Amino acid sequence: MDYKDLMDYWINSSDRDYEAMKKNFEVKQFTWSLFIGHLAIEKLLKGLFAKYNEDNPYTIKSHNLLALAQKCNLELTDEQVEKLKIITQFNISTRYEDYKDEFYKICTEEYTSNQIKNIEEVRIWLKKLLAQK
């Protein structure tokens, strides 16, 4: 798969996850909504890596959004760094039993709604980068 095909793969997969995130929120599956939101951002970052690394478009196998952004050589604001760190926690908190109960308590409708707004802001920023020539 060349870098363009791989980039398209990640974007399309991210778009499907983004829709799944919204549907999970609608049915009040807040922890899963945030977990899937993390995946949507992770996949856009992997798409950016493919875009910026035509000769070797396969990125590191990581769920750490900040590490992925750094691999893409993105210039990040403090706010973007903080959002990526928070969104990364949604992956960890839903995967590991010792974090699940605490995370479930935190994920109220209000908290989840606010975090989805952050995910959407990051998504818009990454999509703009992907669309640039």
N, C-alpha and C. Protein backbone atom coordinates (compact mmCIF):
# COMPACT_ATOMS: atom_id res chain seq x y z
N MET A 1 0.85 -1.17 0.00
CA MET A 1 0.00 0.00 0.00
C MET A 1 0.90 1.24 0.00
N ASP A 2 0.69 2.15 -0.94
CA ASP A 2 1.51 3.35 -0.95
C ASP A 2 0.97 4.34 0.10
N TYR A 3 1.72 5.42 0.29
CA TYR A 3 1.38 6.36 1.36
C TYR A 3 -0.01 6.97 1.17
N LYS A 4 -0.42 7.25 -0.07
CA LYS A 4 -1.74 7.84 -0.30
C LYS A 4 -2.85 6.87 0.07
N ASP A 5 -2.70 5.62 -0.32
CA ASP A 5 -3.69 4.60 0.03
C ASP A 5 -3.77 4.42 1.54
N LEU A 6 -2.61 4.40 2.17
CA LEU A 6 -2.57 4.23 3.62
C LEU A 6 -3.19 5.44 4.32
N MET A 7 -2.89 6.62 3.84
CA MET A 7 -3.48 7.83 4.39
C MET A 7 -5.01 7.78 4.26
N ASP A 8 -5.50 7.43 3.09
CA ASP A 8 -6.95 7.32 2.88
C ASP A 8 -7.57 6.27 3.79
N TYR A 9 -6.88 5.16 3.95
CA TYR A 9 -7.37 4.10 4.85
C TYR A 9 -7.57 4.65 6.26
N TRP A 10 -6.57 5.35 6.78
CA TRP A 10 -6.66 5.89 8.14
C TRP A 10 -7.76 6.94 8.25
N ILE A 11 -7.89 7.78 7.26
CA ILE A 11 -8.93 8.83 7.30
C ILE A 11 -10.32 8.19 7.29
N ASN A 12 -10.54 7.25 6.39
CA ASN A 12 -11.84 6.61 6.30
C ASN A 12 -12.19 5.84 7.57
N SER A 13 -11.22 5.15 8.11
CA SER A 13 -11.44 4.41 9.35
C SER A 13 -11.73 5.37 10.50
N SER A 14 -11.03 6.48 10.54
CA SER A 14 -11.27 7.50 11.56
C SER A 14 -12.68 8.08 11.45
N ASP A 15 -13.12 8.33 10.23
CA ASP A 15 -14.47 8.89 10.02
C ASP A 15 -15.53 7.92 10.53
N ARG A 16 -15.33 6.63 10.30
CA ARG A 16 -16.28 5.64 10.82
C ARG A 16 -16.28 5.62 12.35
N ASP A 17 -15.10 5.71 12.93
CA ASP A 17 -15.01 5.73 14.39
C ASP A 17 -15.64 6.99 14.97
N TYR A 18 -15.47 8.10 14.29
CA TYR A 18 -16.07 9.36 14.75
C TYR A 18 -17.60 9.22 14.82
N GLU A 19 -18.19 8.61 13.81
CA GLU A 19 -19.64 8.39 13.81
C GLU A 19 -20.04 7.43 14.93
N ALA A 20 -19.24 6.41 15.16
CA ALA A 20 -19.52 5.46 16.25
C ALA A 20 -19.41 6.16 17.60
N MET A 21 -18.47 7.08 17.74
CA MET A 21 -18.33 7.85 18.98
C MET A 21 -19.63 8.59 19.26
N LYS A 22 -20.15 9.27 18.25
CA LYS A 22 -21.39 10.04 18.42
C LYS A 22 -22.57 9.13 18.77
N LYS A 23 -22.67 7.99 18.12
CA LYS A 23 -23.77 7.06 18.40
C LYS A 23 -23.68 6.51 19.82
N ASN A 24 -22.48 6.20 20.27
CA ASN A 24 -22.31 5.72 21.64
C ASN A 24 -22.69 6.79 22.65
N PHE A 25 -22.40 8.03 22.34
CA PHE A 25 -22.79 9.12 23.24
C PHE A 25 -24.32 9.21 23.31
N GLU A 26 -24.97 9.10 22.17
CA GLU A 26 -26.44 9.20 22.12
C GLU A 26 -27.11 8.14 23.00
N VAL A 27 -26.53 6.96 23.08
CA VAL A 27 -27.12 5.89 23.89
C VAL A 27 -26.48 5.82 25.28
N LYS A 28 -25.78 6.88 25.63
CA LYS A 28 -25.20 7.06 26.97
C LYS A 28 -24.13 6.02 27.33
N GLN A 29 -23.44 5.55 26.32
CA GLN A 29 -22.27 4.69 26.53
C GLN A 29 -21.04 5.59 26.55
N PHE A 30 -20.91 6.34 27.62
CA PHE A 30 -19.93 7.43 27.67
C PHE A 30 -18.48 6.96 27.63
N THR A 31 -18.15 5.90 28.37
CA THR A 31 -16.76 5.45 28.34
C THR A 31 -16.37 4.96 26.95
N TRP A 32 -17.25 4.21 26.32
CA TRP A 32 -16.96 3.71 24.97
C TRP A 32 -16.94 4.84 23.96
N SER A 33 -17.77 5.82 24.16
CA SER A 33 -17.76 6.98 23.27
C SER A 33 -16.38 7.64 23.28
N LEU A 34 -15.83 7.84 24.46
CA LEU A 34 -14.51 8.48 24.55
C LEU A 34 -13.40 7.57 24.05
N PHE A 35 -13.53 6.26 24.31
CA PHE A 35 -12.54 5.32 23.80
C PHE A 35 -12.49 5.38 22.27
N ILE A 36 -13.64 5.36 21.65
CA ILE A 36 -13.70 5.39 20.19
C ILE A 36 -13.26 6.76 19.66
N GLY A 37 -13.55 7.82 20.41
CA GLY A 37 -13.05 9.15 20.04
C GLY A 37 -11.53 9.17 20.00
N HIS A 38 -10.92 8.50 20.98
CA HIS A 38 -9.46 8.38 20.97
C HIS A 38 -8.99 7.69 19.69
N LEU A 39 -9.66 6.59 19.32
CA LEU A 39 -9.26 5.87 18.11
C LEU A 39 -9.36 6.76 16.87
N ALA A 40 -10.41 7.58 16.81
CA ALA A 40 -10.59 8.47 15.66
C ALA A 40 -9.41 9.43 15.53
N ILE A 41 -8.95 9.96 16.65
CA ILE A 41 -7.80 10.88 16.62
C ILE A 41 -6.51 10.12 16.31
N GLU A 42 -6.34 8.97 16.92
CA GLU A 42 -5.15 8.16 16.66
C GLU A 42 -5.00 7.86 15.17
N LYS A 43 -6.09 7.51 14.54
CA LYS A 43 -6.04 7.15 13.12
C LYS A 43 -5.73 8.35 12.23
N LEU A 44 -6.22 9.52 12.60
CA LEU A 44 -5.87 10.72 11.83
C LEU A 44 -4.38 11.02 11.95
N LEU A 45 -3.83 10.84 13.15
CA LEU A 45 -2.39 11.05 13.32
C LEU A 45 -1.59 10.03 12.51
N LYS A 46 -2.05 8.81 12.44
CA LYS A 46 -1.37 7.80 11.63
C LYS A 46 -1.48 8.14 10.15
N GLY A 47 -2.61 8.72 9.76
CA GLY A 47 -2.76 9.20 8.38
C GLY A 47 -1.79 10.33 8.08
N LEU A 48 -1.61 11.23 9.04
CA LEU A 48 -0.63 12.31 8.86
C LEU A 48 0.78 11.76 8.75
N PHE A 49 1.09 10.78 9.57
CA PHE A 49 2.41 10.17 9.48
C PHE A 49 2.65 9.62 8.08
N ALA A 50 1.65 8.93 7.54
CA ALA A 50 1.77 8.38 6.18
C ALA A 50 1.99 9.51 5.18
N LYS A 51 1.26 10.61 5.35
CA LYS A 51 1.39 11.75 4.43
C LYS A 51 2.80 12.34 4.47
N TYR A 52 3.35 12.47 5.66
CA TYR A 52 4.65 13.13 5.82
C TYR A 52 5.83 12.19 5.62
N ASN A 53 5.57 10.89 5.46
CA ASN A 53 6.64 9.91 5.33
C ASN A 53 6.35 8.98 4.15
N GLU A 54 6.35 9.55 2.98
CA GLU A 54 5.97 8.81 1.77
C GLU A 54 6.79 7.54 1.57
N ASP A 55 8.07 7.59 1.89
CA ASP A 55 8.95 6.43 1.65
C ASP A 55 8.74 5.31 2.67
N ASN A 56 8.31 5.66 3.86
CA ASN A 56 8.06 4.66 4.91
C ASN A 56 6.83 5.11 5.70
N PRO A 57 5.63 4.91 5.14
CA PRO A 57 4.42 5.49 5.73
C PRO A 57 3.85 4.74 6.93
N TYR A 58 4.45 3.62 7.30
CA TYR A 58 3.92 2.83 8.42
C TYR A 58 4.49 3.35 9.73
N THR A 59 3.61 3.85 10.57
CA THR A 59 4.01 4.50 11.80
C THR A 59 4.30 3.50 12.92
N ILE A 60 4.77 4.03 14.02
CA ILE A 60 5.01 3.20 15.19
C ILE A 60 3.68 2.63 15.68
N LYS A 61 3.74 1.49 16.30
CA LYS A 61 2.54 0.89 16.87
C LYS A 61 2.38 1.46 18.27
N SER A 62 1.61 2.51 18.35
CA SER A 62 1.42 3.19 19.63
C SER A 62 0.02 3.78 19.67
N HIS A 63 -0.51 3.88 20.89
CA HIS A 63 -1.79 4.55 21.09
C HIS A 63 -1.59 5.90 21.76
N ASN A 64 -0.33 6.26 21.99
CA ASN A 64 0.00 7.52 22.64
C ASN A 64 -0.08 8.65 21.61
N LEU A 65 -1.10 9.47 21.74
CA LEU A 65 -1.34 10.51 20.74
C LEU A 65 -0.23 11.55 20.69
N LEU A 66 0.32 11.90 21.82
CA LEU A 66 1.40 12.87 21.83
C LEU A 66 2.64 12.31 21.14
N ALA A 67 2.95 11.05 21.38
CA ALA A 67 4.09 10.42 20.70
C ALA A 67 3.86 10.38 19.19
N LEU A 68 2.64 10.06 18.78
CA LEU A 68 2.33 10.04 17.34
C LEU A 68 2.46 11.44 16.74
N ALA A 69 1.96 12.45 17.44
CA ALA A 69 2.07 13.83 16.94
C ALA A 69 3.53 14.24 16.82
N GLN A 70 4.34 13.84 17.77
CA GLN A 70 5.76 14.16 17.72
C GLN A 70 6.44 13.45 16.56
N LYS A 71 6.03 12.21 16.28
CA LYS A 71 6.58 11.48 15.13
C LYS A 71 6.23 12.18 13.81
N CYS A 72 5.13 12.93 13.81
CA CYS A 72 4.72 13.69 12.62
C CYS A 72 5.39 15.06 12.57
N ASN A 73 6.21 15.35 13.56
CA ASN A 73 6.90 16.64 13.67
C ASN A 73 5.94 17.82 13.69
N LEU A 74 4.80 17.63 14.38
CA LEU A 74 3.83 18.72 14.48
C LEU A 74 4.27 19.73 15.52
N GLU A 75 4.09 20.98 15.20
CA GLU A 75 4.32 22.03 16.18
C GLU A 75 3.04 22.17 16.98
N LEU A 76 3.14 21.89 18.27
CA LEU A 76 1.96 21.85 19.13
C LEU A 76 1.93 23.00 20.11
N THR A 77 0.76 23.55 20.30
CA THR A 77 0.57 24.54 21.35
C THR A 77 0.44 23.78 22.68
N ASP A 78 0.57 24.51 23.77
CA ASP A 78 0.38 23.89 25.09
C ASP A 78 -1.02 23.30 25.21
N GLU A 79 -2.00 23.98 24.66
CA GLU A 79 -3.37 23.49 24.71
C GLU A 79 -3.52 22.19 23.93
N GLN A 80 -2.89 22.09 22.76
CA GLN A 80 -2.97 20.86 21.97
C GLN A 80 -2.27 19.71 22.68
N VAL A 81 -1.14 19.99 23.30
CA VAL A 81 -0.43 18.96 24.07
C VAL A 81 -1.33 18.43 25.18
N GLU A 82 -1.97 19.33 25.89
CA GLU A 82 -2.84 18.93 27.00
C GLU A 82 -4.02 18.10 26.49
N LYS A 83 -4.64 18.51 25.40
CA LYS A 83 -5.77 17.76 24.85
C LYS A 83 -5.34 16.37 24.41
N LEU A 84 -4.20 16.26 23.76
CA LEU A 84 -3.71 14.95 23.32
C LEU A 84 -3.42 14.04 24.52
N LYS A 85 -2.87 14.61 25.58
CA LYS A 85 -2.60 13.82 26.78
C LYS A 85 -3.91 13.31 27.40
N ILE A 86 -4.90 14.18 27.48
CA ILE A 86 -6.18 13.79 28.06
C ILE A 86 -6.86 12.72 27.20
N ILE A 87 -6.90 12.95 25.90
CA ILE A 87 -7.57 12.00 25.00
C ILE A 87 -6.86 10.64 25.03
N THR A 88 -5.54 10.63 25.16
CA THR A 88 -4.80 9.37 25.26
C THR A 88 -5.28 8.55 26.45
N GLN A 89 -5.62 9.23 27.54
CA GLN A 89 -6.08 8.52 28.73
C GLN A 89 -7.37 7.74 28.49
N PHE A 90 -8.16 8.14 27.52
CA PHE A 90 -9.41 7.43 27.24
C PHE A 90 -9.13 6.03 26.72
N ASN A 91 -8.00 5.84 26.08
CA ASN A 91 -7.61 4.52 25.61
C ASN A 91 -7.20 3.65 26.79
N ILE A 92 -6.37 4.18 27.63
CA ILE A 92 -5.85 3.44 28.78
C ILE A 92 -6.96 3.13 29.77
N SER A 93 -7.80 4.11 30.04
CA SER A 93 -8.82 3.96 31.08
C SER A 93 -9.91 2.97 30.73
N THR A 94 -10.12 2.67 29.47
CA THR A 94 -11.15 1.71 29.11
C THR A 94 -10.58 0.32 28.86
N ARG A 95 -9.27 0.20 28.75
CA ARG A 95 -8.66 -1.09 28.43
C ARG A 95 -8.26 -1.88 29.67
N TYR A 96 -7.89 -1.22 30.71
CA TYR A 96 -7.28 -1.90 31.84
C TYR A 96 -8.21 -1.86 33.05
N GLU A 97 -8.43 -3.04 33.61
CA GLU A 97 -9.42 -3.21 34.68
C GLU A 97 -9.21 -2.27 35.86
N ASP A 98 -7.97 -2.05 36.25
CA ASP A 98 -7.72 -1.23 37.43
C ASP A 98 -8.08 0.24 37.21
N TYR A 99 -8.27 0.66 35.95
CA TYR A 99 -8.67 2.02 35.66
C TYR A 99 -10.16 2.14 35.34
N LYS A 100 -10.78 1.05 34.92
CA LYS A 100 -12.14 1.11 34.38
C LYS A 100 -13.17 1.69 35.37
N ASP A 101 -13.17 1.23 36.60
CA ASP A 101 -14.17 1.68 37.56
C ASP A 101 -14.05 3.18 37.83
N GLU A 102 -12.83 3.65 38.02
CA GLU A 102 -12.64 5.09 38.25
C GLU A 102 -13.08 5.90 37.04
N PHE A 103 -12.71 5.44 35.86
CA PHE A 103 -13.05 6.15 34.64
C PHE A 103 -14.56 6.19 34.45
N TYR A 104 -15.22 5.08 34.75
CA TYR A 104 -16.68 5.02 34.61
C TYR A 104 -17.34 6.09 35.48
N LYS A 105 -16.82 6.30 36.68
CA LYS A 105 -17.38 7.31 37.59
C LYS A 105 -17.17 8.73 37.07
N ILE A 106 -16.06 8.96 36.42
CA ILE A 106 -15.74 10.29 35.88
C ILE A 106 -16.61 10.64 34.67
N CYS A 107 -16.97 9.64 33.90
CA CYS A 107 -17.62 9.86 32.60
C CYS A 107 -19.12 10.16 32.74
N THR A 108 -19.39 11.28 33.31
CA THR A 108 -20.77 11.75 33.34
C THR A 108 -21.12 12.27 31.96
N GLU A 109 -22.37 12.55 31.75
CA GLU A 109 -22.79 13.10 30.46
C GLU A 109 -22.11 14.44 30.20
N GLU A 110 -22.02 15.27 31.23
CA GLU A 110 -21.40 16.59 31.06
C GLU A 110 -19.91 16.46 30.75
N TYR A 111 -19.20 15.63 31.50
CA TYR A 111 -17.77 15.44 31.26
C TYR A 111 -17.53 14.91 29.84
N THR A 112 -18.31 13.89 29.47
CA THR A 112 -18.14 13.28 28.16
C THR A 112 -18.44 14.28 27.05
N SER A 113 -19.49 15.05 27.22
CA SER A 113 -19.84 16.06 26.22
C SER A 113 -18.69 17.06 26.04
N ASN A 114 -18.11 17.50 27.14
CA ASN A 114 -16.99 18.45 27.06
C ASN A 114 -15.78 17.82 26.37
N GLN A 115 -15.51 16.56 26.66
CA GLN A 115 -14.37 15.89 26.05
C GLN A 115 -14.61 15.61 24.57
N ILE A 116 -15.85 15.34 24.21
CA ILE A 116 -16.16 15.16 22.79
C ILE A 116 -15.92 16.46 22.03
N LYS A 117 -16.21 17.59 22.66
CA LYS A 117 -15.90 18.88 22.02
C LYS A 117 -14.40 19.01 21.79
N ASN A 118 -13.60 18.58 22.76
CA ASN A 118 -12.14 18.61 22.58
C ASN A 118 -11.71 17.68 21.45
N ILE A 119 -12.28 16.50 21.40
CA ILE A 119 -11.97 15.56 20.33
C ILE A 119 -12.33 16.17 18.98
N GLU A 120 -13.48 16.81 18.91
CA GLU A 120 -13.90 17.43 17.65
C GLU A 120 -12.96 18.56 17.23
N GLU A 121 -12.48 19.35 18.18
CA GLU A 121 -11.53 20.43 17.86
C GLU A 121 -10.23 19.85 17.32
N VAL A 122 -9.72 18.81 17.97
CA VAL A 122 -8.48 18.17 17.52
C VAL A 122 -8.71 17.56 16.14
N ARG A 123 -9.86 16.94 15.95
CA ARG A 123 -10.18 16.31 14.67
C ARG A 123 -10.20 17.33 13.53
N ILE A 124 -10.81 18.47 13.75
CA ILE A 124 -10.86 19.53 12.73
C ILE A 124 -9.45 19.99 12.38
N TRP A 125 -8.62 20.20 13.39
CA TRP A 125 -7.23 20.64 13.18
C TRP A 125 -6.47 19.59 12.35
N LEU A 126 -6.59 18.32 12.72
CA LEU A 126 -5.86 17.27 12.00
C LEU A 126 -6.38 17.09 10.57
N LYS A 127 -7.68 17.20 10.39
CA LYS A 127 -8.26 17.08 9.04
C LYS A 127 -7.76 18.21 8.15
N LYS A 128 -7.60 19.41 8.69
CA LYS A 128 -7.06 20.52 7.90
C LYS A 128 -5.63 20.22 7.48
N LEU A 129 -4.84 19.66 8.38
CA LEU A 129 -3.46 19.29 8.04
C LEU A 129 -3.43 18.21 6.95
N LEU A 130 -4.33 17.28 7.06
CA LEU A 130 -4.40 16.20 6.05
C LEU A 130 -4.81 16.72 4.69
N ALA A 131 -5.62 17.77 4.67
CA ALA A 131 -6.14 18.31 3.40
C ALA A 131 -5.13 19.24 2.71
N GLN A 132 -4.15 19.74 3.46
CA GLN A 132 -3.16 20.63 2.86
C GLN A 132 -2.28 19.89 1.88
N LYS A 133 -1.86 20.61 0.85
CA LYS A 133 -0.96 20.01 -0.16
C LYS A 133 0.44 19.91 0.37
